[in-house]
Amino acid sequence: MRRNEVDAPRAGAPAKAKTKKPPRTEIGWRELASFPDLGVERIAAKIDTGAKTSALHAFRIGETDIDGAPHVEFYLHPRRRRRKPEIFCCAPIADKRTIRSSNGQEEERYVIETRLRLGPRLWKVELALTNRDAMGFRLLIGRDALRRKFIVDPGASYLLGE
């Protein structure tokens, strides 16, 4: 058998169907997002491919029990450098993890799963809850949430609209 015959399909063999991947949307290093399940209509997000896990600003975080299932209650300020509005949120606890921040400190954080809207796309993501008052953005979207959905242009901002 010649070498090129190995790679060629057999005569009469059905052709393999190619599945079309949905096109990846190009986004900038910062975008506007929303969390419909949490009542957050608009929050500025930093797109951070260096971070594995996404993080959401939260304070007054407390664990509660709803119908026998563990939940976490928290408040958030969706606007940067603003104390108003203050949004109360409640979500089932997906996990509790020790997460290392960019400065090397480890912190145990509640992790929730909720739907994130970024431009026209809506999908479930995991969010670690932490106080991000000292940070420039209330929401950091990490690579786990971005995987196979977006291409990031680090020189662009708000490609999905402001």
N, C-alpha and C. Protein backbone atom coordinates (compact mmCIF):
# COMPACT_ATOMS: atom_id res chain seq x y z
N MET A 1 0.85 -1.17 0.00
CA MET A 1 0.00 0.00 0.00
C MET A 1 0.89 1.24 0.00
N ARG A 2 0.56 2.15 -0.86
CA ARG A 2 1.34 3.38 -0.91
C ARG A 2 0.93 4.28 0.25
N ARG A 3 1.82 5.17 0.60
CA ARG A 3 1.60 6.02 1.76
C ARG A 3 0.33 6.87 1.65
N ASN A 4 0.08 7.48 0.54
CA ASN A 4 -1.09 8.35 0.42
C ASN A 4 -2.40 7.57 0.43
N GLU A 5 -2.34 6.27 0.21
CA GLU A 5 -3.55 5.46 0.28
C GLU A 5 -4.03 5.28 1.71
N VAL A 6 -3.14 5.37 2.67
CA VAL A 6 -3.52 5.22 4.08
C VAL A 6 -4.43 6.35 4.51
N ASP A 7 -4.10 7.55 4.06
CA ASP A 7 -4.87 8.73 4.47
C ASP A 7 -6.15 8.91 3.67
N ALA A 8 -6.23 8.30 2.51
CA ALA A 8 -7.40 8.48 1.66
C ALA A 8 -8.56 7.64 2.19
N PRO A 9 -9.79 8.17 2.10
CA PRO A 9 -10.94 7.38 2.54
C PRO A 9 -11.16 6.21 1.60
N ARG A 10 -11.68 5.12 2.14
CA ARG A 10 -11.97 3.93 1.32
C ARG A 10 -13.12 4.25 0.38
N ALA A 11 -13.07 3.64 -0.77
CA ALA A 11 -14.15 3.82 -1.73
C ALA A 11 -15.44 3.28 -1.13
N GLY A 12 -16.50 4.04 -1.21
CA GLY A 12 -17.80 3.60 -0.70
C GLY A 12 -17.98 3.85 0.79
N ALA A 13 -16.93 4.29 1.51
CA ALA A 13 -17.05 4.57 2.96
C ALA A 13 -17.76 5.90 3.13
N PRO A 14 -18.65 6.00 4.12
CA PRO A 14 -19.35 7.28 4.33
C PRO A 14 -18.36 8.36 4.80
N ALA A 15 -18.54 9.54 4.29
CA ALA A 15 -17.68 10.66 4.69
C ALA A 15 -18.03 11.07 6.11
N LYS A 16 -17.00 11.41 6.86
CA LYS A 16 -17.23 11.86 8.24
C LYS A 16 -17.86 13.24 8.20
N ALA A 17 -18.92 13.39 8.95
CA ALA A 17 -19.59 14.68 9.02
C ALA A 17 -18.77 15.62 9.91
N LYS A 18 -18.49 16.80 9.41
CA LYS A 18 -17.77 17.78 10.20
C LYS A 18 -18.79 18.58 10.99
N THR A 19 -18.58 18.63 12.30
CA THR A 19 -19.48 19.44 13.12
C THR A 19 -18.96 20.86 13.11
N LYS A 20 -19.85 21.78 12.88
CA LYS A 20 -19.47 23.18 12.85
C LYS A 20 -19.47 23.73 14.26
N LYS A 21 -18.34 24.30 14.63
CA LYS A 21 -18.25 24.95 15.94
C LYS A 21 -18.88 26.33 15.81
N PRO A 22 -19.57 26.77 16.86
CA PRO A 22 -20.09 28.14 16.79
C PRO A 22 -18.91 29.11 16.72
N PRO A 23 -19.05 30.19 15.97
CA PRO A 23 -17.93 31.13 15.86
C PRO A 23 -17.64 31.77 17.21
N ARG A 24 -16.37 32.00 17.46
CA ARG A 24 -15.96 32.67 18.69
C ARG A 24 -16.12 34.17 18.51
N THR A 25 -16.68 34.79 19.51
CA THR A 25 -16.91 36.22 19.49
C THR A 25 -15.66 36.93 20.00
N GLU A 26 -15.28 38.01 19.35
CA GLU A 26 -14.13 38.78 19.79
C GLU A 26 -14.59 39.77 20.86
N ILE A 27 -13.83 39.81 21.98
CA ILE A 27 -14.13 40.73 23.07
C ILE A 27 -12.86 41.48 23.44
N GLY A 28 -13.04 42.58 24.14
CA GLY A 28 -11.91 43.37 24.61
C GLY A 28 -11.49 42.98 26.02
N TRP A 29 -10.51 43.66 26.56
CA TRP A 29 -10.00 43.33 27.90
C TRP A 29 -10.97 43.77 29.00
N ARG A 30 -11.94 44.60 28.62
CA ARG A 30 -13.03 44.94 29.54
C ARG A 30 -14.32 44.99 28.75
N GLU A 31 -15.39 44.49 29.39
CA GLU A 31 -16.70 44.42 28.74
C GLU A 31 -17.78 44.64 29.79
N LEU A 32 -19.01 44.89 29.34
CA LEU A 32 -20.15 44.99 30.25
C LEU A 32 -20.86 43.65 30.29
N ALA A 33 -21.26 43.25 31.48
CA ALA A 33 -21.90 41.95 31.68
C ALA A 33 -23.16 42.13 32.53
N SER A 34 -23.93 41.05 32.65
CA SER A 34 -25.09 41.05 33.55
C SER A 34 -25.29 39.64 34.08
N PHE A 35 -25.99 39.56 35.22
CA PHE A 35 -26.36 38.30 35.85
C PHE A 35 -27.86 38.31 36.06
N PRO A 36 -28.64 37.79 35.10
CA PRO A 36 -30.10 37.85 35.22
C PRO A 36 -30.64 37.14 36.45
N ASP A 37 -30.02 36.04 36.88
CA ASP A 37 -30.52 35.29 38.03
C ASP A 37 -30.26 36.01 39.35
N LEU A 38 -29.33 36.96 39.35
CA LEU A 38 -28.99 37.69 40.58
C LEU A 38 -29.58 39.09 40.58
N GLY A 39 -30.24 39.48 39.50
CA GLY A 39 -30.83 40.82 39.43
C GLY A 39 -29.81 41.90 39.12
N VAL A 40 -28.68 41.53 38.54
CA VAL A 40 -27.63 42.49 38.18
C VAL A 40 -27.72 42.73 36.68
N GLU A 41 -28.18 43.94 36.31
CA GLU A 41 -28.41 44.25 34.90
C GLU A 41 -27.17 44.74 34.17
N ARG A 42 -26.23 45.32 34.91
CA ARG A 42 -25.04 45.90 34.26
C ARG A 42 -23.90 45.96 35.26
N ILE A 43 -22.77 45.35 34.88
CA ILE A 43 -21.59 45.38 35.72
C ILE A 43 -20.36 45.35 34.81
N ALA A 44 -19.40 46.22 35.08
CA ALA A 44 -18.18 46.26 34.28
C ALA A 44 -17.31 45.06 34.67
N ALA A 45 -16.79 44.38 33.66
CA ALA A 45 -15.99 43.18 33.90
C ALA A 45 -14.61 43.34 33.29
N LYS A 46 -13.62 42.87 34.02
CA LYS A 46 -12.26 42.77 33.48
C LYS A 46 -12.11 41.34 32.97
N ILE A 47 -11.69 41.20 31.74
CA ILE A 47 -11.45 39.89 31.14
C ILE A 47 -10.01 39.52 31.48
N ASP A 48 -9.84 38.42 32.21
CA ASP A 48 -8.52 38.05 32.71
C ASP A 48 -8.20 36.60 32.38
N THR A 49 -7.49 36.40 31.26
CA THR A 49 -7.15 35.04 30.85
C THR A 49 -6.08 34.42 31.74
N GLY A 50 -5.47 35.24 32.59
CA GLY A 50 -4.49 34.72 33.54
C GLY A 50 -5.13 34.11 34.77
N ALA A 51 -6.39 34.43 35.01
CA ALA A 51 -7.12 33.89 36.17
C ALA A 51 -7.93 32.68 35.74
N LYS A 52 -7.86 31.62 36.49
CA LYS A 52 -8.63 30.41 36.18
C LYS A 52 -10.11 30.62 36.51
N THR A 53 -10.37 31.08 37.71
CA THR A 53 -11.74 31.22 38.23
C THR A 53 -12.21 32.66 38.10
N SER A 54 -13.48 32.84 37.81
CA SER A 54 -14.08 34.17 37.80
C SER A 54 -14.39 34.58 39.23
N ALA A 55 -14.36 35.89 39.48
CA ALA A 55 -14.60 36.40 40.83
C ALA A 55 -15.58 37.57 40.77
N LEU A 56 -16.50 37.58 41.72
CA LEU A 56 -17.51 38.62 41.82
C LEU A 56 -17.38 39.32 43.16
N HIS A 57 -17.45 40.65 43.13
CA HIS A 57 -17.40 41.44 44.36
C HIS A 57 -18.60 41.10 45.24
N ALA A 58 -18.35 40.77 46.48
CA ALA A 58 -19.43 40.46 47.42
C ALA A 58 -18.99 40.88 48.82
N PHE A 59 -19.95 41.31 49.62
CA PHE A 59 -19.67 41.64 51.02
C PHE A 59 -20.88 41.26 51.85
N ARG A 60 -20.72 41.30 53.15
CA ARG A 60 -21.74 40.77 54.08
C ARG A 60 -22.18 39.38 53.61
N ILE A 61 -21.21 38.52 53.40
CA ILE A 61 -21.44 37.17 52.91
C ILE A 61 -21.83 36.28 54.09
N GLY A 62 -22.91 35.54 53.94
CA GLY A 62 -23.35 34.64 55.00
C GLY A 62 -24.01 33.39 54.44
N GLU A 63 -23.81 32.30 55.14
CA GLU A 63 -24.40 31.04 54.73
C GLU A 63 -25.78 30.90 55.36
N THR A 64 -26.72 30.35 54.59
CA THR A 64 -28.07 30.13 55.09
C THR A 64 -28.59 28.81 54.52
N ASP A 65 -29.69 28.35 55.05
CA ASP A 65 -30.28 27.09 54.61
C ASP A 65 -31.67 27.38 54.05
N ILE A 66 -31.91 27.00 52.81
CA ILE A 66 -33.22 27.20 52.19
C ILE A 66 -33.73 25.84 51.73
N ASP A 67 -34.83 25.41 52.29
CA ASP A 67 -35.43 24.11 51.98
C ASP A 67 -34.42 22.96 52.08
N GLY A 68 -33.57 23.04 53.08
CA GLY A 68 -32.60 21.97 53.32
C GLY A 68 -31.35 22.04 52.48
N ALA A 69 -31.24 23.04 51.63
CA ALA A 69 -30.06 23.18 50.76
C ALA A 69 -29.23 24.38 51.20
N PRO A 70 -27.91 24.23 51.25
CA PRO A 70 -27.06 25.36 51.66
C PRO A 70 -27.01 26.44 50.57
N HIS A 71 -27.23 27.66 50.99
CA HIS A 71 -27.18 28.83 50.10
C HIS A 71 -26.23 29.86 50.71
N VAL A 72 -25.83 30.80 49.89
CA VAL A 72 -25.03 31.92 50.37
C VAL A 72 -25.78 33.20 50.02
N GLU A 73 -25.86 34.08 51.01
CA GLU A 73 -26.47 35.39 50.82
C GLU A 73 -25.35 36.42 50.84
N PHE A 74 -25.47 37.43 50.00
CA PHE A 74 -24.44 38.45 49.95
C PHE A 74 -25.00 39.71 49.30
N TYR A 75 -24.27 40.78 49.45
CA TYR A 75 -24.60 42.05 48.80
C TYR A 75 -23.48 42.38 47.84
N LEU A 76 -23.82 43.16 46.81
CA LEU A 76 -22.77 43.63 45.92
C LEU A 76 -23.08 45.03 45.44
N HIS A 77 -22.03 45.75 45.14
CA HIS A 77 -22.11 47.06 44.50
C HIS A 77 -21.69 46.84 43.06
N PRO A 78 -22.59 46.92 42.10
CA PRO A 78 -22.21 46.65 40.71
C PRO A 78 -21.40 47.77 40.05
N ARG A 79 -21.44 48.97 40.60
CA ARG A 79 -20.74 50.10 39.99
C ARG A 79 -19.41 50.35 40.67
N ARG A 80 -18.39 50.55 39.88
CA ARG A 80 -17.06 50.80 40.42
C ARG A 80 -17.01 52.09 41.23
N ARG A 81 -16.30 52.02 42.34
CA ARG A 81 -16.08 53.17 43.22
C ARG A 81 -17.38 53.82 43.69
N ARG A 82 -18.47 53.04 43.77
CA ARG A 82 -19.76 53.55 44.22
C ARG A 82 -20.35 52.61 45.26
N ARG A 83 -21.02 53.16 46.24
CA ARG A 83 -21.68 52.36 47.27
C ARG A 83 -23.15 52.11 46.94
N LYS A 84 -23.67 52.80 45.94
CA LYS A 84 -25.06 52.64 45.51
C LYS A 84 -25.07 52.32 44.03
N PRO A 85 -25.93 51.49 43.54
CA PRO A 85 -26.90 50.70 44.28
C PRO A 85 -26.22 49.54 45.00
N GLU A 86 -26.95 49.02 45.96
CA GLU A 86 -26.50 47.86 46.72
C GLU A 86 -27.52 46.76 46.44
N ILE A 87 -27.07 45.66 45.88
CA ILE A 87 -27.98 44.59 45.46
C ILE A 87 -27.82 43.38 46.38
N PHE A 88 -28.96 42.90 46.91
CA PHE A 88 -28.96 41.68 47.72
C PHE A 88 -29.09 40.48 46.79
N CYS A 89 -28.26 39.46 47.01
CA CYS A 89 -28.27 38.26 46.18
C CYS A 89 -28.29 37.02 47.06
N CYS A 90 -28.85 35.96 46.53
CA CYS A 90 -28.87 34.67 47.22
C CYS A 90 -28.75 33.59 46.15
N ALA A 91 -27.88 32.60 46.41
CA ALA A 91 -27.67 31.54 45.42
C ALA A 91 -27.26 30.26 46.13
N PRO A 92 -27.55 29.10 45.54
CA PRO A 92 -27.08 27.84 46.12
C PRO A 92 -25.55 27.81 46.11
N ILE A 93 -24.98 27.19 47.12
CA ILE A 93 -23.52 27.05 47.18
C ILE A 93 -23.12 25.88 46.28
N ALA A 94 -22.27 26.15 45.31
CA ALA A 94 -21.77 25.10 44.42
C ALA A 94 -20.54 24.44 45.03
N ASP A 95 -19.74 25.23 45.76
CA ASP A 95 -18.49 24.72 46.33
C ASP A 95 -17.92 25.76 47.29
N LYS A 96 -16.94 25.34 48.04
CA LYS A 96 -16.12 26.22 48.87
C LYS A 96 -14.69 25.86 48.53
N ARG A 97 -13.90 26.83 48.07
CA ARG A 97 -12.55 26.54 47.59
C ARG A 97 -11.54 27.50 48.17
N THR A 98 -10.33 27.01 48.31
CA THR A 98 -9.21 27.88 48.64
C THR A 98 -8.66 28.39 47.31
N ILE A 99 -8.69 29.71 47.16
CA ILE A 99 -8.27 30.33 45.91
C ILE A 99 -7.12 31.29 46.20
N ARG A 100 -6.09 31.21 45.36
CA ARG A 100 -4.93 32.09 45.51
C ARG A 100 -5.15 33.31 44.63
N SER A 101 -5.08 34.49 45.22
CA SER A 101 -5.27 35.73 44.46
C SER A 101 -3.98 36.08 43.72
N SER A 102 -4.04 37.13 42.92
CA SER A 102 -2.89 37.54 42.11
C SER A 102 -1.70 37.96 42.97
N ASN A 103 -1.95 38.38 44.21
CA ASN A 103 -0.83 38.76 45.08
C ASN A 103 -0.29 37.59 45.89
N GLY A 104 -0.82 36.39 45.64
CA GLY A 104 -0.30 35.18 46.29
C GLY A 104 -1.01 34.77 47.56
N GLN A 105 -1.94 35.59 48.05
CA GLN A 105 -2.67 35.24 49.27
C GLN A 105 -3.74 34.20 48.97
N GLU A 106 -3.88 33.24 49.89
CA GLU A 106 -4.92 32.23 49.74
C GLU A 106 -6.11 32.61 50.61
N GLU A 107 -7.31 32.37 50.09
CA GLU A 107 -8.54 32.69 50.81
C GLU A 107 -9.58 31.64 50.48
N GLU A 108 -10.30 31.19 51.50
CA GLU A 108 -11.40 30.26 51.24
C GLU A 108 -12.60 31.09 50.80
N ARG A 109 -13.17 30.71 49.67
CA ARG A 109 -14.27 31.48 49.09
C ARG A 109 -15.45 30.57 48.76
N TYR A 110 -16.64 31.13 48.89
CA TYR A 110 -17.84 30.46 48.40
C TYR A 110 -17.82 30.55 46.89
N VAL A 111 -18.27 29.48 46.24
CA VAL A 111 -18.39 29.47 44.79
C VAL A 111 -19.86 29.19 44.46
N ILE A 112 -20.42 30.02 43.59
CA ILE A 112 -21.80 29.83 43.14
C ILE A 112 -21.78 29.58 41.63
N GLU A 113 -22.87 29.05 41.14
CA GLU A 113 -23.05 28.86 39.70
C GLU A 113 -24.27 29.68 39.30
N THR A 114 -24.11 30.53 38.31
CA THR A 114 -25.21 31.36 37.85
C THR A 114 -25.01 31.68 36.37
N ARG A 115 -26.05 32.23 35.74
CA ARG A 115 -25.95 32.57 34.33
C ARG A 115 -25.33 33.96 34.15
N LEU A 116 -24.41 34.04 33.21
CA LEU A 116 -23.73 35.28 32.86
C LEU A 116 -24.12 35.66 31.44
N ARG A 117 -24.45 36.93 31.24
CA ARG A 117 -24.71 37.44 29.89
C ARG A 117 -23.57 38.38 29.53
N LEU A 118 -22.95 38.08 28.39
CA LEU A 118 -21.89 38.92 27.85
C LEU A 118 -22.24 39.12 26.39
N GLY A 119 -22.68 40.32 26.04
CA GLY A 119 -23.18 40.56 24.68
C GLY A 119 -24.40 39.70 24.43
N PRO A 120 -24.46 39.01 23.31
CA PRO A 120 -25.63 38.19 23.01
C PRO A 120 -25.60 36.81 23.66
N ARG A 121 -24.48 36.43 24.27
CA ARG A 121 -24.33 35.08 24.81
C ARG A 121 -24.76 35.01 26.27
N LEU A 122 -25.42 33.92 26.62
CA LEU A 122 -25.89 33.66 27.99
C LEU A 122 -25.53 32.23 28.32
N TRP A 123 -24.76 32.01 29.39
CA TRP A 123 -24.35 30.66 29.78
C TRP A 123 -24.04 30.63 31.27
N LYS A 124 -23.96 29.41 31.82
CA LYS A 124 -23.68 29.23 33.24
C LYS A 124 -22.19 29.31 33.50
N VAL A 125 -21.84 30.01 34.57
CA VAL A 125 -20.44 30.13 34.99
C VAL A 125 -20.34 29.91 36.49
N GLU A 126 -19.14 29.59 36.94
CA GLU A 126 -18.85 29.53 38.36
C GLU A 126 -18.22 30.86 38.75
N LEU A 127 -18.65 31.39 39.91
CA LEU A 127 -18.12 32.64 40.43
C LEU A 127 -17.66 32.45 41.86
N ALA A 128 -16.45 32.86 42.16
CA ALA A 128 -15.96 32.89 43.53
C ALA A 128 -16.35 34.25 44.11
N LEU A 129 -16.88 34.24 45.31
CA LEU A 129 -17.31 35.49 45.95
C LEU A 129 -16.20 36.02 46.84
N THR A 130 -15.85 37.28 46.65
CA THR A 130 -14.80 37.91 47.45
C THR A 130 -14.98 39.41 47.43
N ASN A 131 -14.43 40.08 48.42
CA ASN A 131 -14.52 41.53 48.47
C ASN A 131 -13.49 42.12 47.51
N ARG A 132 -13.96 42.81 46.49
CA ARG A 132 -13.10 43.41 45.48
C ARG A 132 -13.13 44.93 45.55
N ASP A 133 -13.42 45.48 46.74
CA ASP A 133 -13.46 46.93 46.91
C ASP A 133 -12.16 47.60 46.47
N ALA A 134 -11.03 46.98 46.76
CA ALA A 134 -9.74 47.57 46.44
C ALA A 134 -9.36 47.39 44.97
N MET A 135 -10.14 46.61 44.24
CA MET A 135 -9.83 46.33 42.84
C MET A 135 -10.55 47.32 41.92
N GLY A 136 -10.06 47.44 40.71
CA GLY A 136 -10.65 48.37 39.76
C GLY A 136 -11.97 47.89 39.18
N PHE A 137 -12.19 46.58 39.18
CA PHE A 137 -13.41 46.02 38.60
C PHE A 137 -14.12 45.14 39.62
N ARG A 138 -15.44 45.21 39.66
CA ARG A 138 -16.25 44.40 40.57
C ARG A 138 -16.38 42.96 40.09
N LEU A 139 -16.08 42.72 38.83
CA LEU A 139 -16.19 41.39 38.25
C LEU A 139 -14.95 41.08 37.44
N LEU A 140 -14.39 39.92 37.69
CA LEU A 140 -13.26 39.42 36.92
C LEU A 140 -13.73 38.14 36.25
N ILE A 141 -13.62 38.07 34.94
CA ILE A 141 -14.03 36.87 34.21
C ILE A 141 -12.77 36.12 33.81
N GLY A 142 -12.62 34.91 34.35
CA GLY A 142 -11.44 34.09 34.12
C GLY A 142 -11.59 33.16 32.94
N ARG A 143 -10.50 32.43 32.67
CA ARG A 143 -10.45 31.61 31.45
C ARG A 143 -11.42 30.44 31.45
N ASP A 144 -11.79 29.89 32.62
CA ASP A 144 -12.77 28.80 32.63
C ASP A 144 -14.11 29.25 32.03
N ALA A 145 -14.51 30.47 32.32
CA ALA A 145 -15.79 30.99 31.80
C ALA A 145 -15.69 31.36 30.32
N LEU A 146 -14.49 31.70 29.86
CA LEU A 146 -14.30 32.17 28.48
C LEU A 146 -14.04 31.05 27.49
N ARG A 147 -13.60 29.92 27.99
CA ARG A 147 -13.13 28.82 27.14
C ARG A 147 -14.11 28.46 26.03
N ARG A 148 -13.59 28.40 24.82
CA ARG A 148 -14.30 28.01 23.60
C ARG A 148 -15.44 28.95 23.19
N LYS A 149 -15.51 30.12 23.78
CA LYS A 149 -16.60 31.04 23.45
C LYS A 149 -16.10 32.36 22.87
N PHE A 150 -14.92 32.79 23.31
CA PHE A 150 -14.45 34.13 22.96
C PHE A 150 -12.98 34.14 22.57
N ILE A 151 -12.64 35.16 21.81
CA ILE A 151 -11.24 35.49 21.53
C ILE A 151 -11.05 36.88 22.12
N VAL A 152 -10.00 37.05 22.90
CA VAL A 152 -9.77 38.31 23.60
C VAL A 152 -8.75 39.16 22.85
N ASP A 153 -9.15 40.39 22.54
CA ASP A 153 -8.24 41.38 21.97
C ASP A 153 -7.79 42.27 23.12
N PRO A 154 -6.55 42.10 23.61
CA PRO A 154 -6.11 42.85 24.79
C PRO A 154 -5.97 44.35 24.55
N GLY A 155 -6.00 44.79 23.29
CA GLY A 155 -5.89 46.22 23.01
C GLY A 155 -7.24 46.90 22.82
N ALA A 156 -8.32 46.16 22.97
CA ALA A 156 -9.66 46.71 22.72
C ALA A 156 -10.50 46.68 23.99
N SER A 157 -11.51 47.55 24.03
CA SER A 157 -12.46 47.61 25.16
C SER A 157 -13.87 47.71 24.63
N TYR A 158 -14.78 47.09 25.34
CA TYR A 158 -16.22 47.19 25.09
C TYR A 158 -16.58 46.92 23.63
N LEU A 159 -16.05 45.84 23.09
CA LEU A 159 -16.37 45.47 21.71
C LEU A 159 -17.82 45.00 21.57
N LEU A 160 -18.44 44.61 22.68
CA LEU A 160 -19.84 44.16 22.65
C LEU A 160 -20.82 45.30 22.91
N GLY A 161 -20.30 46.50 23.07
CA GLY A 161 -21.14 47.67 23.29
C GLY A 161 -21.03 48.18 24.71
N GLU A 162 -21.37 49.46 24.88
CA GLU A 162 -21.34 50.07 26.22
C GLU A 162 -22.71 50.30 26.75
